[in-house]
């Protein structure tokens, strides 16, 4: 799992992604559906974990909780993800992978990437 997350973060084009937050969310959501059907629940409890960690309502999706961990007043929908500027997009993606690493018990690498 660590290798998947590392490659996903550092080489998004390997997975036909552009490295945007929205595409990472779509990929991880699809992977989650596949993992439920095959070997387990990859993101089970992730949304609740983020909500508890940051004191957010549990009635929002995990992507919204990730964004609220950066911008507490974030109130946007998935349609607003495409409106993030490049700096915000990079920050949202970095925080997503930092939180995934922490949730899964991985230690981030020296430059913040998932090991």
PDB file of N, CA and C in Angstrom:
ATOM      1  N   UNK A   1       0.822  -1.188   0.000  1.00  0.00           N
ATOM      2  CA  UNK A   1       0.000   0.000   0.000  1.00  0.00           C
ATOM      3  C   UNK A   1       0.871   1.259   0.000  1.00  0.00           C
ATOM      4  N   UNK A   2       1.982   1.180   0.741  1.00  0.00           N
ATOM      5  CA  UNK A   2       2.877   2.337   0.763  1.00  0.00           C
ATOM      6  C   UNK A   2       3.406   2.644  -0.635  1.00  0.00           C
ATOM      7  N   UNK A   3       3.780   1.605  -1.358  1.00  0.00           N
ATOM      8  CA  UNK A   3       4.320   1.796  -2.704  1.00  0.00           C
ATOM      9  C   UNK A   3       3.270   2.410  -3.628  1.00  0.00           C
ATOM     10  N   UNK A   4       2.037   1.953  -3.519  1.00  0.00           N
ATOM     11  CA  UNK A   4       0.965   2.528  -4.330  1.00  0.00           C
ATOM     12  C   UNK A   4       0.829   4.016  -4.045  1.00  0.00           C
ATOM     13  N   UNK A   5       0.765   4.387  -2.781  1.00  0.00           N
ATOM     14  CA  UNK A   5       0.596   5.793  -2.424  1.00  0.00           C
ATOM     15  C   UNK A   5       1.800   6.624  -2.858  1.00  0.00           C
ATOM     16  N   UNK A   6       2.985   6.066  -2.720  1.00  0.00           N
ATOM     17  CA  UNK A   6       4.186   6.794  -3.156  1.00  0.00           C
ATOM     18  C   UNK A   6       4.140   7.059  -4.657  1.00  0.00           C
ATOM     19  N   UNK A   7       3.867   6.009  -5.419  1.00  0.00           N
ATOM     20  CA  UNK A   7       3.828   6.170  -6.875  1.00  0.00           C
ATOM     21  C   UNK A   7       2.691   7.087  -7.311  1.00  0.00           C
ATOM     22  N   UNK A   8       1.570   6.967  -6.650  1.00  0.00           N
ATOM     23  CA  UNK A   8       0.436   7.828  -6.980  1.00  0.00           C
ATOM     24  C   UNK A   8       0.796   9.290  -6.761  1.00  0.00           C
ATOM     25  N   UNK A   9       1.460   9.580  -5.653  1.00  0.00           N
ATOM     26  CA  UNK A   9       1.819  10.970  -5.325  1.00  0.00           C
ATOM     27  C   UNK A   9       2.932  11.502  -6.216  1.00  0.00           C
ATOM     28  N   UNK A  10       3.968  10.684  -6.417  1.00  0.00           N
ATOM     29  CA  UNK A  10       5.144  11.171  -7.131  1.00  0.00           C
ATOM     30  C   UNK A  10       5.059  10.987  -8.643  1.00  0.00           C
ATOM     31  N   UNK A  11       4.233  10.052  -9.091  1.00  0.00           N
ATOM     32  CA  UNK A  11       4.129   9.749 -10.523  1.00  0.00           C
ATOM     33  C   UNK A  11       2.663   9.615 -10.951  1.00  0.00           C
ATOM     34  N   UNK A  12       1.884  10.660 -10.791  1.00  0.00           N
ATOM     35  CA  UNK A  12       0.457  10.541 -11.113  1.00  0.00           C
ATOM     36  C   UNK A  12       0.197  10.131 -12.560  1.00  0.00           C
ATOM     37  N   UNK A  13       1.069  10.518 -13.472  1.00  0.00           N
ATOM     38  CA  UNK A  13       0.842  10.171 -14.876  1.00  0.00           C
ATOM     39  C   UNK A  13       0.912   8.663 -15.106  1.00  0.00           C
ATOM     40  N   UNK A  14       1.564   7.934 -14.203  1.00  0.00           N
ATOM     41  CA  UNK A  14       1.584   6.472 -14.273  1.00  0.00           C
ATOM     42  C   UNK A  14       0.166   5.903 -14.210  1.00  0.00           C
ATOM     43  N   UNK A  15      -0.709   6.645 -13.571  1.00  0.00           N
ATOM     44  CA  UNK A  15      -2.094   6.232 -13.366  1.00  0.00           C
ATOM     45  C   UNK A  15      -3.056   7.050 -14.234  1.00  0.00           C
ATOM     46  N   UNK A  16      -2.491   7.753 -15.219  1.00  0.00           N
ATOM     47  CA  UNK A  16      -3.263   8.610 -16.130  1.00  0.00           C
ATOM     48  C   UNK A  16      -3.969   9.743 -15.396  1.00  0.00           C
ATOM     49  N   UNK A  17      -3.312  10.270 -14.364  1.00  0.00           N
ATOM     50  CA  UNK A  17      -3.841  11.388 -13.596  1.00  0.00           C
ATOM     51  C   UNK A  17      -2.990  12.622 -13.867  1.00  0.00           C
ATOM     52  N   UNK A  18      -3.584  13.792 -13.632  1.00  0.00           N
ATOM     53  CA  UNK A  18      -2.828  15.034 -13.836  1.00  0.00           C
ATOM     54  C   UNK A  18      -2.248  15.583 -12.534  1.00  0.00           C
ATOM     55  N   UNK A  19      -2.461  14.890 -11.424  1.00  0.00           N
ATOM     56  CA  UNK A  19      -1.932  15.343 -10.140  1.00  0.00           C
ATOM     57  C   UNK A  19      -2.820  16.323  -9.413  1.00  0.00           C
ATOM     58  N   UNK A  20      -4.029  16.507  -9.895  1.00  0.00           N
ATOM     59  CA  UNK A  20      -4.947  17.432  -9.224  1.00  0.00           C
ATOM     60  C   UNK A  20      -5.661  16.731  -8.067  1.00  0.00           C
ATOM     61  N   UNK A  21      -6.082  17.534  -7.115  1.00  0.00           N
ATOM     62  CA  UNK A  21      -6.794  17.007  -5.951  1.00  0.00           C
ATOM     63  C   UNK A  21      -8.015  16.209  -6.382  1.00  0.00           C
ATOM     64  N   UNK A  22      -8.796  16.761  -7.306  1.00  0.00           N
ATOM     65  CA  UNK A  22     -10.012  16.086  -7.761  1.00  0.00           C
ATOM     66  C   UNK A  22      -9.734  14.737  -8.398  1.00  0.00           C
ATOM     67  N   UNK A  23      -8.661  14.644  -9.178  1.00  0.00           N
ATOM     68  CA  UNK A  23      -8.338  13.359  -9.794  1.00  0.00           C
ATOM     69  C   UNK A  23      -7.815  12.360  -8.761  1.00  0.00           C
ATOM     70  N   UNK A  24      -7.056  12.831  -7.775  1.00  0.00           N
ATOM     71  CA  UNK A  24      -6.632  11.933  -6.700  1.00  0.00           C
ATOM     72  C   UNK A  24      -7.849  11.394  -5.945  1.00  0.00           C
ATOM     73  N   UNK A  25      -8.805  12.270  -5.664  1.00  0.00           N
ATOM     74  CA  UNK A  25     -10.017  11.849  -4.962  1.00  0.00           C
ATOM     75  C   UNK A  25     -10.774  10.808  -5.785  1.00  0.00           C
ATOM     76  N   UNK A  26     -10.919  11.056  -7.071  1.00  0.00           N
ATOM     77  CA  UNK A  26     -11.623  10.109  -7.940  1.00  0.00           C
ATOM     78  C   UNK A  26     -10.906   8.758  -7.971  1.00  0.00           C
ATOM     79  N   UNK A  27      -9.591   8.781  -8.108  1.00  0.00           N
ATOM     80  CA  UNK A  27      -8.816   7.537  -8.149  1.00  0.00           C
ATOM     81  C   UNK A  27      -8.957   6.783  -6.831  1.00  0.00           C
ATOM     82  N   UNK A  28      -8.742   7.486  -5.717  1.00  0.00           N
ATOM     83  CA  UNK A  28      -8.813   6.825  -4.414  1.00  0.00           C
ATOM     84  C   UNK A  28     -10.215   6.305  -4.110  1.00  0.00           C
ATOM     85  N   UNK A  29     -11.230   7.027  -4.541  1.00  0.00           N
ATOM     86  CA  UNK A  29     -12.609   6.554  -4.345  1.00  0.00           C
ATOM     87  C   UNK A  29     -12.860   5.287  -5.158  1.00  0.00           C
ATOM     88  N   UNK A  30     -12.370   5.260  -6.391  1.00  0.00           N
ATOM     89  CA  UNK A  30     -12.500   4.062  -7.213  1.00  0.00           C
ATOM     90  C   UNK A  30     -11.714   2.904  -6.637  1.00  0.00           C
ATOM     91  N   UNK A  31     -10.510   3.189  -6.154  1.00  0.00           N
ATOM     92  CA  UNK A  31      -9.699   2.144  -5.534  1.00  0.00           C
ATOM     93  C   UNK A  31     -10.396   1.606  -4.297  1.00  0.00           C
ATOM     94  N   UNK A  32     -11.036   2.484  -3.559  1.00  0.00           N
ATOM     95  CA  UNK A  32     -11.780   2.079  -2.365  1.00  0.00           C
ATOM     96  C   UNK A  32     -12.899   1.099  -2.724  1.00  0.00           C
ATOM     97  N   UNK A  33     -13.639   1.400  -3.778  1.00  0.00           N
ATOM     98  CA  UNK A  33     -14.710   0.494  -4.209  1.00  0.00           C
ATOM     99  C   UNK A  33     -14.145  -0.865  -4.589  1.00  0.00           C
ATOM    100  N   UNK A  34     -13.026  -0.867  -5.296  1.00  0.00           N
ATOM    101  CA  UNK A  34     -12.390  -2.108  -5.689  1.00  0.00           C
ATOM    102  C   UNK A  34     -11.883  -2.884  -4.472  1.00  0.00           C
ATOM    103  N   UNK A  35     -11.324  -2.187  -3.511  1.00  0.00           N
ATOM    104  CA  UNK A  35     -10.779  -2.876  -2.344  1.00  0.00           C
ATOM    105  C   UNK A  35     -11.884  -3.492  -1.491  1.00  0.00           C
ATOM    106  N   UNK A  36     -13.036  -2.846  -1.445  1.00  0.00           N
ATOM    107  CA  UNK A  36     -14.165  -3.427  -0.708  1.00  0.00           C
ATOM    108  C   UNK A  36     -14.589  -4.742  -1.328  1.00  0.00           C
ATOM    109  N   UNK A  37     -14.553  -4.815  -2.642  1.00  0.00           N
ATOM    110  CA  UNK A  37     -14.983  -6.024  -3.350  1.00  0.00           C
ATOM    111  C   UNK A  37     -13.932  -7.126  -3.299  1.00  0.00           C
ATOM    112  N   UNK A  38     -12.671  -6.771  -3.120  1.00  0.00           N
ATOM    113  CA  UNK A  38     -11.609  -7.761  -3.249  1.00  0.00           C
ATOM    114  C   UNK A  38     -10.947  -8.162  -1.932  1.00  0.00           C
ATOM    115  N   UNK A  39     -10.311  -7.241  -1.272  1.00  0.00           N
ATOM    116  CA  UNK A  39      -9.447  -7.647  -0.175  1.00  0.00           C
ATOM    117  C   UNK A  39      -9.651  -6.900   1.129  1.00  0.00           C
ATOM    118  N   UNK A  40     -10.492  -5.956   1.159  1.00  0.00           N
ATOM    119  CA  UNK A  40     -10.672  -5.191   2.380  1.00  0.00           C
ATOM    120  C   UNK A  40     -11.070  -3.781   2.058  1.00  0.00           C
ATOM    121  N   UNK A  41     -11.113  -2.982   3.073  1.00  0.00           N
ATOM    122  CA  UNK A  41     -11.597  -1.615   2.921  1.00  0.00           C
ATOM    123  C   UNK A  41     -10.452  -0.639   3.128  1.00  0.00           C
ATOM    124  N   UNK A  42      -9.855  -0.196   2.025  1.00  0.00           N
ATOM    125  CA  UNK A  42      -8.663   0.652   2.028  1.00  0.00           C
ATOM    126  C   UNK A  42      -8.853   1.931   2.833  1.00  0.00           C
ATOM    127  N   UNK A  43      -9.979   2.592   2.690  1.00  0.00           N
ATOM    128  CA  UNK A  43     -10.207   3.877   3.358  1.00  0.00           C
ATOM    129  C   UNK A  43     -11.229   3.799   4.489  1.00  0.00           C
ATOM    130  N   UNK A  44     -11.545   2.596   4.926  1.00  0.00           N
ATOM    131  CA  UNK A  44     -12.545   2.450   5.981  1.00  0.00           C
ATOM    132  C   UNK A  44     -12.139   3.256   7.215  1.00  0.00           C
ATOM    133  N   UNK A  45     -13.004   4.138   7.636  1.00  0.00           N
ATOM    134  CA  UNK A  45     -12.762   4.961   8.809  1.00  0.00           C
ATOM    135  C   UNK A  45     -11.979   6.237   8.550  1.00  0.00           C
ATOM    136  N   UNK A  46     -11.514   6.447   7.316  1.00  0.00           N
ATOM    137  CA  UNK A  46     -10.699   7.626   7.011  1.00  0.00           C
ATOM    138  C   UNK A  46     -11.481   8.915   7.246  1.00  0.00           C
ATOM    139  N   UNK A  47     -12.708   8.973   6.759  1.00  0.00           N
ATOM    140  CA  UNK A  47     -13.527  10.178   6.941  1.00  0.00           C
ATOM    141  C   UNK A  47     -13.785  10.484   8.404  1.00  0.00           C
ATOM    142  N   UNK A  48     -14.131   9.463   9.175  1.00  0.00           N
ATOM    143  CA  UNK A  48     -14.365   9.662  10.606  1.00  0.00           C
ATOM    144  C   UNK A  48     -13.081  10.067  11.325  1.00  0.00           C
ATOM    145  N   UNK A  49     -11.971   9.470  10.906  1.00  0.00           N
ATOM    146  CA  UNK A  49     -10.679   9.790  11.520  1.00  0.00           C
ATOM    147  C   UNK A  49     -10.328  11.258  11.305  1.00  0.00           C
ATOM    148  N   UNK A  50     -10.492  11.735  10.061  1.00  0.00           N
ATOM    149  CA  UNK A  50     -10.192  13.148   9.775  1.00  0.00           C
ATOM    150  C   UNK A  50     -11.139  14.053  10.558  1.00  0.00           C
ATOM    151  N   UNK A  51     -12.421  13.703  10.563  1.00  0.00           N
ATOM    152  CA  UNK A  51     -13.404  14.525  11.277  1.00  0.00           C
ATOM    153  C   UNK A  51     -13.053  14.633  12.757  1.00  0.00           C
ATOM    154  N   UNK A  52     -12.692  13.515  13.361  1.00  0.00           N
ATOM    155  CA  UNK A  52     -12.315  13.509  14.778  1.00  0.00           C
ATOM    156  C   UNK A  52     -11.033  14.295  14.998  1.00  0.00           C
ATOM    157  N   UNK A  53     -10.050  14.076  14.142  1.00  0.00           N
ATOM    158  CA  UNK A  53      -8.741  14.726  14.294  1.00  0.00           C
ATOM    159  C   UNK A  53      -8.843  16.249  14.242  1.00  0.00           C
ATOM    160  N   UNK A  54      -9.726  16.755  13.373  1.00  0.00           N
ATOM    161  CA  UNK A  54      -9.841  18.202  13.200  1.00  0.00           C
ATOM    162  C   UNK A  54     -11.116  18.788  13.793  1.00  0.00           C
ATOM    163  N   UNK A  55     -11.942  17.964  14.417  1.00  0.00           N
ATOM    164  CA  UNK A  55     -13.165  18.465  15.040  1.00  0.00           C
ATOM    165  C   UNK A  55     -14.234  18.893  14.053  1.00  0.00           C
ATOM    166  N   UNK A  56     -14.273  18.231  12.881  1.00  0.00           N
ATOM    167  CA  UNK A  56     -15.274  18.557  11.854  1.00  0.00           C
ATOM    168  C   UNK A  56     -16.540  17.729  12.064  1.00  0.00           C
ATOM    169  N   UNK A  57     -17.618  18.204  11.456  1.00  0.00           N
ATOM    170  CA  UNK A  57     -18.846  17.420  11.432  1.00  0.00           C
ATOM    171  C   UNK A  57     -18.587  16.123  10.679  1.00  0.00           C
ATOM    172  N   UNK A  58     -19.255  15.072  11.080  1.00  0.00           N
ATOM    173  CA  UNK A  58     -19.077  13.787  10.399  1.00  0.00           C
ATOM    174  C   UNK A  58     -20.038  13.606   9.234  1.00  0.00           C
ATOM    175  N   UNK A  59     -20.804  14.621   8.940  1.00  0.00           N
ATOM    176  CA  UNK A  59     -21.779  14.509   7.856  1.00  0.00           C
ATOM    177  C   UNK A  59     -21.257  15.058   6.533  1.00  0.00           C
ATOM    178  N   UNK A  60     -19.933  15.152   6.409  1.00  0.00           N
ATOM    179  CA  UNK A  60     -19.334  15.606   5.152  1.00  0.00           C
ATOM    180  C   UNK A  60     -18.420  14.499   4.622  1.00  0.00           C
ATOM    181  N   UNK A  61     -18.111  14.573   3.361  1.00  0.00           N
ATOM    182  CA  UNK A  61     -17.257  13.566   2.737  1.00  0.00           C
ATOM    183  C   UNK A  61     -15.803  13.754   3.185  1.00  0.00           C
ATOM    184  N   UNK A  62     -15.009  12.692   3.030  1.00  0.00           N
ATOM    185  CA  UNK A  62     -13.602  12.818   3.439  1.00  0.00           C
ATOM    186  C   UNK A  62     -12.853  13.857   2.609  1.00  0.00           C
ATOM    187  N   UNK A  63     -13.130  14.023   1.294  1.00  0.00           N
ATOM    188  CA  UNK A  63     -12.431  15.097   0.578  1.00  0.00           C
ATOM    189  C   UNK A  63     -12.733  16.480   1.153  1.00  0.00           C
ATOM    190  N   UNK A  64     -13.972  16.704   1.547  1.00  0.00           N
ATOM    191  CA  UNK A  64     -14.324  17.986   2.160  1.00  0.00           C
ATOM    192  C   UNK A  64     -13.600  18.160   3.484  1.00  0.00           C
ATOM    193  N   UNK A  65     -13.490  17.083   4.261  1.00  0.00           N
ATOM    194  CA  UNK A  65     -12.756  17.161   5.525  1.00  0.00           C
ATOM    195  C   UNK A  65     -11.283  17.472   5.304  1.00  0.00           C
ATOM    196  N   UNK A  66     -10.692  16.898   4.251  1.00  0.00           N
ATOM    197  CA  UNK A  66      -9.295  17.207   3.925  1.00  0.00           C
ATOM    198  C   UNK A  66      -9.168  18.700   3.640  1.00  0.00           C
ATOM    199  N   UNK A  67     -10.052  19.222   2.814  1.00  0.00           N
ATOM    200  CA  UNK A  67      -9.996  20.649   2.468  1.00  0.00           C
ATOM    201  C   UNK A  67     -10.269  21.531   3.680  1.00  0.00           C
ATOM    202  N   UNK A  68     -11.169  21.110   4.554  1.00  0.00           N
ATOM    203  CA  UNK A  68     -11.452  21.895   5.761  1.00  0.00           C
ATOM    204  C   UNK A  68     -10.276  21.849   6.744  1.00  0.00           C
ATOM    205  N   UNK A  69      -9.454  20.809   6.662  1.00  0.00           N
ATOM    206  CA  UNK A  69      -8.274  20.767   7.526  1.00  0.00           C
ATOM    207  C   UNK A  69      -7.285  21.860   7.129  1.00  0.00           C
ATOM    208  N   UNK A  70      -7.349  22.299   5.872  1.00  0.00           N
ATOM    209  CA  UNK A  70      -6.485  23.371   5.379  1.00  0.00           C
ATOM    210  C   UNK A  70      -7.190  24.718   5.514  1.00  0.00           C
ATOM    211  N   UNK A  71      -8.411  24.758   5.032  1.00  0.00           N
ATOM    212  CA  UNK A  71      -9.220  25.978   5.039  1.00  0.00           C
ATOM    213  C   UNK A  71     -10.486  25.682   5.843  1.00  0.00           C
ATOM    214  N   UNK A  72     -10.488  25.988   7.138  1.00  0.00           N
ATOM    215  CA  UNK A  72     -11.614  25.633   8.014  1.00  0.00           C
ATOM    216  C   UNK A  72     -12.983  26.114   7.527  1.00  0.00           C
ATOM    217  N   UNK A  73     -13.014  27.194   6.761  1.00  0.00           N
ATOM    218  CA  UNK A  73     -14.291  27.709   6.280  1.00  0.00           C
ATOM    219  C   UNK A  73     -14.692  27.132   4.930  1.00  0.00           C
ATOM    220  N   UNK A  74     -13.944  26.135   4.431  1.00  0.00           N
ATOM    221  CA  UNK A  74     -14.263  25.541   3.130  1.00  0.00           C
ATOM    222  C   UNK A  74     -15.699  25.041   3.162  1.00  0.00           C
ATOM    223  N   UNK A  75     -16.474  25.477   2.214  1.00  0.00           N
ATOM    224  CA  UNK A  75     -17.871  25.083   2.155  1.00  0.00           C
ATOM    225  C   UNK A  75     -18.241  24.682   0.739  1.00  0.00           C
ATOM    226  N   UNK A  76     -17.247  24.390  -0.061  1.00  0.00           N
ATOM    227  CA  UNK A  76     -17.488  24.100  -1.464  1.00  0.00           C
ATOM    228  C   UNK A  76     -17.821  22.647  -1.738  1.00  0.00           C
ATOM    229  N   UNK A  77     -18.358  22.430  -2.897  1.00  0.00           N
ATOM    230  CA  UNK A  77     -18.680  21.087  -3.343  1.00  0.00           C
ATOM    231  C   UNK A  77     -17.560  20.589  -4.248  1.00  0.00           C
ATOM    232  N   UNK A  78     -17.729  19.388  -4.786  1.00  0.00           N
ATOM    233  CA  UNK A  78     -16.736  18.824  -5.700  1.00  0.00           C
ATOM    234  C   UNK A  78     -16.519  19.736  -6.904  1.00  0.00           C
ATOM    235  N   UNK A  79     -17.537  20.443  -7.320  1.00  0.00           N
ATOM    236  CA  UNK A  79     -17.405  21.352  -8.463  1.00  0.00           C
ATOM    237  C   UNK A  79     -16.392  22.463  -8.181  1.00  0.00           C
ATOM    238  N   UNK A  80     -16.215  22.816  -6.914  1.00  0.00           N
ATOM    239  CA  UNK A  80     -15.284  23.884  -6.555  1.00  0.00           C
ATOM    240  C   UNK A  80     -13.826  23.428  -6.572  1.00  0.00           C
ATOM    241  N   UNK A  81     -13.579  22.124  -6.545  1.00  0.00           N
ATOM    242  CA  UNK A  81     -12.196  21.640  -6.566  1.00  0.00           C
ATOM    243  C   UNK A  81     -11.485  22.101  -7.822  1.00  0.00           C
ATOM    244  N   UNK A  82     -12.205  22.145  -8.921  1.00  0.00           N
ATOM    245  CA  UNK A  82     -11.573  22.543 -10.184  1.00  0.00           C
ATOM    246  C   UNK A  82     -11.244  24.035 -10.209  1.00  0.00           C
ATOM    247  N   UNK A  83     -11.735  24.776  -9.238  1.00  0.00           N
ATOM    248  CA  UNK A  83     -11.481  26.216  -9.186  1.00  0.00           C
ATOM    249  C   UNK A  83     -10.289  26.576  -8.307  1.00  0.00           C
ATOM    250  N   UNK A  84      -9.640  25.562  -7.726  1.00  0.00           N
ATOM    251  CA  UNK A  84      -8.465  25.832  -6.902  1.00  0.00           C
ATOM    252  C   UNK A  84      -7.326  26.321  -7.791  1.00  0.00           C
ATOM    253  N   UNK A  85      -6.604  27.330  -7.332  1.00  0.00           N
ATOM    254  CA  UNK A  85      -5.434  27.766  -8.099  1.00  0.00           C
ATOM    255  C   UNK A  85      -4.311  26.742  -7.901  1.00  0.00           C
ATOM    256  N   UNK A  86      -3.242  26.882  -8.653  1.00  0.00           N
ATOM    257  CA  UNK A  86      -2.169  25.890  -8.651  1.00  0.00           C
ATOM    258  C   UNK A  86      -1.573  25.692  -7.264  1.00  0.00           C
ATOM    259  N   UNK A  87      -1.311  26.768  -6.560  1.00  0.00           N
ATOM    260  CA  UNK A  87      -0.736  26.666  -5.219  1.00  0.00           C
ATOM    261  C   UNK A  87      -1.682  25.938  -4.267  1.00  0.00           C
ATOM    262  N   UNK A  88      -2.966  26.282  -4.309  1.00  0.00           N
ATOM    263  CA  UNK A  88      -3.958  25.632  -3.448  1.00  0.00           C
ATOM    264  C   UNK A  88      -4.127  24.165  -3.820  1.00  0.00           C
ATOM    265  N   UNK A  89      -4.113  23.883  -5.104  1.00  0.00           N
ATOM    266  CA  UNK A  89      -4.208  22.510  -5.610  1.00  0.00           C
ATOM    267  C   UNK A  89      -3.052  21.664  -5.077  1.00  0.00           C
ATOM    268  N   UNK A  90      -1.845  22.199  -5.168  1.00  0.00           N
ATOM    269  CA  UNK A  90      -0.662  21.489  -4.677  1.00  0.00           C
ATOM    270  C   UNK A  90      -0.735  21.263  -3.174  1.00  0.00           C
ATOM    271  N   UNK A  91      -1.190  22.264  -2.465  1.00  0.00           N
ATOM    272  CA  UNK A  91      -1.308  22.145  -1.007  1.00  0.00           C
ATOM    273  C   UNK A  91      -2.357  21.104  -0.632  1.00  0.00           C
ATOM    274  N   UNK A  92      -3.503  21.127  -1.304  1.00  0.00           N
ATOM    275  CA  UNK A  92      -4.564  20.160  -1.012  1.00  0.00           C
ATOM    276  C   UNK A  92      -4.082  18.731  -1.284  1.00  0.00           C
ATOM    277  N   UNK A  93      -3.383  18.531  -2.382  1.00  0.00           N
ATOM    278  CA  UNK A  93      -2.873  17.201  -2.716  1.00  0.00           C
ATOM    279  C   UNK A  93      -1.832  16.744  -1.697  1.00  0.00           C
ATOM    280  N   UNK A  94      -0.934  17.647  -1.303  1.00  0.00           N
ATOM    281  CA  UNK A  94       0.095  17.300  -0.317  1.00  0.00           C
ATOM    282  C   UNK A  94      -0.531  16.919   1.019  1.00  0.00           C
ATOM    283  N   UNK A  95      -1.498  17.698   1.461  1.00  0.00           N
ATOM    284  CA  UNK A  95      -2.157  17.414   2.736  1.00  0.00           C
ATOM    285  C   UNK A  95      -2.925  16.096   2.657  1.00  0.00           C
ATOM    286  N   UNK A  96      -3.572  15.834   1.532  1.00  0.00           N
ATOM    287  CA  UNK A  96      -4.269  14.559   1.362  1.00  0.00           C
ATOM    288  C   UNK A  96      -3.320  13.395   1.604  1.00  0.00           C
ATOM    289  N   UNK A  97      -2.152  13.420   0.976  1.00  0.00           N
ATOM    290  CA  UNK A  97      -1.211  12.319   1.127  1.00  0.00           C
ATOM    291  C   UNK A  97      -0.568  12.275   2.508  1.00  0.00           C
ATOM    292  N   UNK A  98      -0.372  13.426   3.123  1.00  0.00           N
ATOM    293  CA  UNK A  98       0.127  13.447   4.509  1.00  0.00           C
ATOM    294  C   UNK A  98      -0.887  12.786   5.441  1.00  0.00           C
ATOM    295  N   UNK A  99      -2.154  13.123   5.260  1.00  0.00           N
ATOM    296  CA  UNK A  99      -3.193  12.538   6.108  1.00  0.00           C
ATOM    297  C   UNK A  99      -3.359  11.043   5.846  1.00  0.00           C
ATOM    298  N   UNK A 100      -3.290  10.641   4.590  1.00  0.00           N
ATOM    299  CA  UNK A 100      -3.363   9.209   4.282  1.00  0.00           C
ATOM    300  C   UNK A 100      -2.208   8.446   4.928  1.00  0.00           C
ATOM    301  N   UNK A 101      -1.013   9.007   4.861  1.00  0.00           N
ATOM    302  CA  UNK A 101       0.146   8.356   5.470  1.00  0.00           C
ATOM    303  C   UNK A 101      -0.039   8.231   6.974  1.00  0.00           C
ATOM    304  N   UNK A 102      -0.506   9.291   7.598  1.00  0.00           N
ATOM    305  CA  UNK A 102      -0.726   9.255   9.045  1.00  0.00           C
ATOM    306  C   UNK A 102      -1.818   8.245   9.390  1.00  0.00           C
ATOM    307  N   UNK A 103      -2.906   8.259   8.638  1.00  0.00           N
ATOM    308  CA  UNK A 103      -4.023   7.339   8.886  1.00  0.00           C
ATOM    309  C   UNK A 103      -3.585   5.882   8.747  1.00  0.00           C
ATOM    310  N   UNK A 104      -2.771   5.620   7.737  1.00  0.00           N
ATOM    311  CA  UNK A 104      -2.312   4.251   7.478  1.00  0.00           C
ATOM    312  C   UNK A 104      -1.096   3.862   8.316  1.00  0.00           C
ATOM    313  N   UNK A 105      -0.535   4.827   9.053  1.00  0.00           N
ATOM    314  CA  UNK A 105       0.605   4.538   9.904  1.00  0.00           C
ATOM    315  C   UNK A 105       1.937   4.554   9.191  1.00  0.00           C
ATOM    316  N   UNK A 106       2.001   5.214   8.044  1.00  0.00           N
ATOM    317  CA  UNK A 106       3.256   5.356   7.309  1.00  0.00           C
ATOM    318  C   UNK A 106       3.949   6.613   7.796  1.00  0.00           C
ATOM    319  N   UNK A 107       5.248   6.641   7.665  1.00  0.00           N
ATOM    320  CA  UNK A 107       6.002   7.848   8.000  1.00  0.00           C
ATOM    321  C   UNK A 107       6.311   8.586   6.712  1.00  0.00           C
ATOM    322  N   UNK A 108       5.947   9.866   6.625  1.00  0.00           N
ATOM    323  CA  UNK A 108       6.278  10.623   5.417  1.00  0.00           C
ATOM    324  C   UNK A 108       7.785  10.668   5.183  1.00  0.00           C
ATOM    325  N   UNK A 109       8.166  10.730   3.919  1.00  0.00           N
ATOM    326  CA  UNK A 109       9.581  10.826   3.560  1.00  0.00           C
ATOM    327  C   UNK A 109      10.135  12.198   3.872  1.00  0.00           C
ATOM    328  N   UNK A 110      11.394  12.376   3.586  1.00  0.00           N
ATOM    329  CA  UNK A 110      12.094  13.621   3.908  1.00  0.00           C
ATOM    330  C   UNK A 110      11.453  14.838   3.268  1.00  0.00           C
ATOM    331  N   UNK A 111      10.912  14.672   2.064  1.00  0.00           N
ATOM    332  CA  UNK A 111      10.320  15.834   1.389  1.00  0.00           C
ATOM    333  C   UNK A 111       8.804  15.856   1.542  1.00  0.00           C
ATOM    334  N   UNK A 112       8.280  15.069   2.495  1.00  0.00           N
ATOM    335  CA  UNK A 112       6.854  15.089   2.763  1.00  0.00           C
ATOM    336  C   UNK A 112       6.058  14.082   1.969  1.00  0.00           C
ATOM    337  N   UNK A 113       6.711  13.380   1.031  1.00  0.00           N
ATOM    338  CA  UNK A 113       5.956  12.419   0.245  1.00  0.00           C
ATOM    339  C   UNK A 113       5.722  11.146   1.047  1.00  0.00           C
ATOM    340  N   UNK A 114       4.734  10.406   0.648  1.00  0.00           N
ATOM    341  CA  UNK A 114       4.450   9.122   1.277  1.00  0.00           C
ATOM    342  C   UNK A 114       5.625   8.200   0.969  1.00  0.00           C
ATOM    343  N   UNK A 115       6.138   7.478   1.973  1.00  0.00           N
ATOM    344  CA  UNK A 115       7.295   6.614   1.734  1.00  0.00           C
ATOM    345  C   UNK A 115       6.976   5.495   0.765  1.00  0.00           C
TER     346      UNK A 115
END
